[in-house]
Amino acid sequence: MMRPAALAKLSLCLAAIVPLAGPAAAVADYPTDVVVDYVLGCMRSNGQTRETLRRCSCSIDVIASIVPYERYESAETFRRMALTTGEAASLFRETAPARAAGSDLRRAQAEAEIRCF
């Protein structure tokens, strides 16, 4: 059984550490398969090295710290649907929500590029 004084010290230590978690804590909101998919795609584009793995992991951490998962998911959906052909695909390219979601993600990716690459 933990004494009240020890419990209070532990609580203070945890309270001091949690704000320092930063981007890694934000990435915890992203499902693991989404993080892995992003890192693998990034490595496919930038090279299959240990250094690239580190940089791509940093990149998704930065993106997760800027864009909540729901916005990321929305932007990715708009992006993928915009790649389809036909008249209906214009809904995913030319509407205000599609542009706003894409803009948020591009800004986060630009910040990740600066910080990680």
Protein backbone atom coordinates (compact mmCIF):
# COMPACT_ATOMS: atom_id res chain seq x y z
CA MET A 1 0.00 0.00 0.00
CA MET A 2 1.35 3.42 -0.96
CA ARG A 3 1.55 6.11 1.72
CA PRO A 4 -0.24 9.42 1.06
CA ALA A 5 3.07 11.35 0.94
CA ALA A 6 4.52 8.97 -1.66
CA LEU A 7 1.31 9.14 -3.67
CA ALA A 8 1.41 12.94 -3.61
CA LYS A 9 5.05 12.95 -4.83
CA LEU A 10 4.18 10.51 -7.62
CA SER A 11 1.25 12.70 -8.69
CA LEU A 12 3.49 15.77 -8.81
CA CYS A 13 6.09 13.93 -10.89
CA LEU A 14 3.47 12.73 -13.35
CA ALA A 15 1.96 16.21 -13.58
CA ALA A 16 5.38 17.58 -14.49
CA ILE A 17 6.09 14.91 -17.10
CA VAL A 18 2.77 14.86 -19.00
CA PRO A 19 3.14 18.36 -20.58
CA LEU A 20 6.59 17.34 -21.82
CA ALA A 21 5.16 14.43 -23.79
CA GLY A 22 4.43 16.75 -26.74
CA PRO A 23 3.92 15.24 -30.21
CA ALA A 24 4.30 11.65 -29.06
CA ALA A 25 1.22 12.07 -26.87
CA ALA A 26 -0.71 13.55 -29.79
CA VAL A 27 0.21 10.65 -32.06
CA ALA A 28 -1.38 8.33 -29.50
CA ASP A 29 -4.72 9.69 -30.75
CA TYR A 30 -3.94 8.33 -34.22
CA PRO A 31 -4.63 4.62 -34.78
CA THR A 32 -1.46 2.54 -35.09
CA ASP A 33 -2.30 1.36 -38.61
CA VAL A 34 -2.63 4.99 -39.78
CA VAL A 35 0.76 5.90 -38.29
CA VAL A 36 2.43 2.85 -39.85
CA ASP A 37 0.77 3.51 -43.22
CA TYR A 38 2.04 7.10 -43.18
CA VAL A 39 5.59 6.10 -42.20
CA LEU A 40 5.76 3.34 -44.84
CA GLY A 41 4.47 5.71 -47.53
CA CYS A 42 6.96 8.36 -46.45
CA MET A 43 9.81 5.84 -46.56
CA ARG A 44 8.68 4.63 -49.98
CA SER A 45 9.04 8.23 -51.21
CA ASN A 46 12.22 9.18 -49.35
CA GLY A 47 14.27 6.00 -49.10
CA GLN A 48 14.41 2.83 -47.05
CA THR A 49 17.04 3.81 -44.48
CA ARG A 50 17.12 3.98 -40.70
CA GLU A 51 17.54 7.77 -40.92
CA THR A 52 14.46 8.05 -43.15
CA LEU A 53 12.51 5.93 -40.67
CA ARG A 54 13.44 8.39 -37.92
CA ARG A 55 12.51 11.41 -40.05
CA CYS A 56 9.21 9.92 -41.24
CA SER A 57 8.27 8.99 -37.67
CA CYS A 58 9.09 12.54 -36.60
CA SER A 59 6.93 13.83 -39.45
CA ILE A 60 3.77 12.00 -38.38
CA ASP A 61 4.43 13.06 -34.77
CA VAL A 62 4.51 16.71 -35.85
CA ILE A 63 1.40 16.33 -38.01
CA ALA A 64 -0.43 14.66 -35.11
CA SER A 65 0.54 17.50 -32.80
CA ILE A 66 -1.01 20.04 -35.21
CA VAL A 67 -3.98 18.25 -36.81
CA PRO A 68 -6.44 16.21 -34.70
CA TYR A 69 -7.06 12.72 -36.05
CA GLU A 70 -10.60 13.53 -37.19
CA ARG A 71 -9.30 16.39 -39.39
CA TYR A 72 -6.47 14.20 -40.70
CA GLU A 73 -8.92 11.44 -41.59
CA SER A 74 -11.19 13.94 -43.35
CA ALA A 75 -8.31 15.45 -45.34
CA GLU A 76 -7.01 12.02 -46.36
CA THR A 77 -10.49 10.96 -47.46
CA PHE A 78 -10.92 14.10 -49.57
CA ARG A 79 -7.43 13.60 -51.06
CA ARG A 80 -8.03 9.96 -51.99
CA MET A 81 -11.49 10.60 -53.38
CA ALA A 82 -10.20 13.55 -55.43
CA LEU A 83 -7.91 11.13 -57.26
CA THR A 84 -10.89 9.26 -58.69
CA THR A 85 -12.19 10.10 -62.13
CA GLY A 86 -15.56 11.41 -63.16
CA GLU A 87 -17.81 14.32 -62.41
CA ALA A 88 -18.52 13.23 -58.84
CA ALA A 89 -14.82 13.50 -57.98
CA SER A 90 -15.05 17.28 -58.40
CA LEU A 91 -17.03 17.35 -55.14
CA PHE A 92 -13.88 16.16 -53.41
CA ARG A 93 -11.64 18.68 -55.15
CA GLU A 94 -13.61 21.89 -55.47
CA THR A 95 -15.79 22.27 -52.38
CA ALA A 96 -14.91 24.54 -49.47
CA PRO A 97 -14.68 21.67 -46.93
CA ALA A 98 -12.34 19.75 -49.24
CA ARG A 99 -10.09 22.78 -49.72
CA ALA A 100 -10.08 23.61 -45.99
CA ALA A 101 -9.22 20.04 -44.97
CA GLY A 102 -6.46 19.83 -47.57
CA SER A 103 -5.09 23.20 -46.56
CA ASP A 104 -4.84 22.21 -42.88
CA LEU A 105 -3.01 19.01 -43.75
CA ARG A 106 -0.63 20.74 -46.18
CA ARG A 107 0.29 23.31 -43.52
CA ALA A 108 1.00 20.55 -41.00
CA GLN A 109 3.06 18.64 -43.58
CA ALA A 110 5.07 21.79 -44.35
CA GLU A 111 5.79 22.25 -40.64
CA ALA A 112 6.80 18.58 -40.38
CA GLU A 113 9.11 19.02 -43.38
CA ILE A 114 10.84 21.95 -41.68
CA ARG A 115 11.22 20.21 -38.31
CA CYS A 116 12.10 16.70 -39.45
CA PHE A 117 13.81 16.86 -42.83
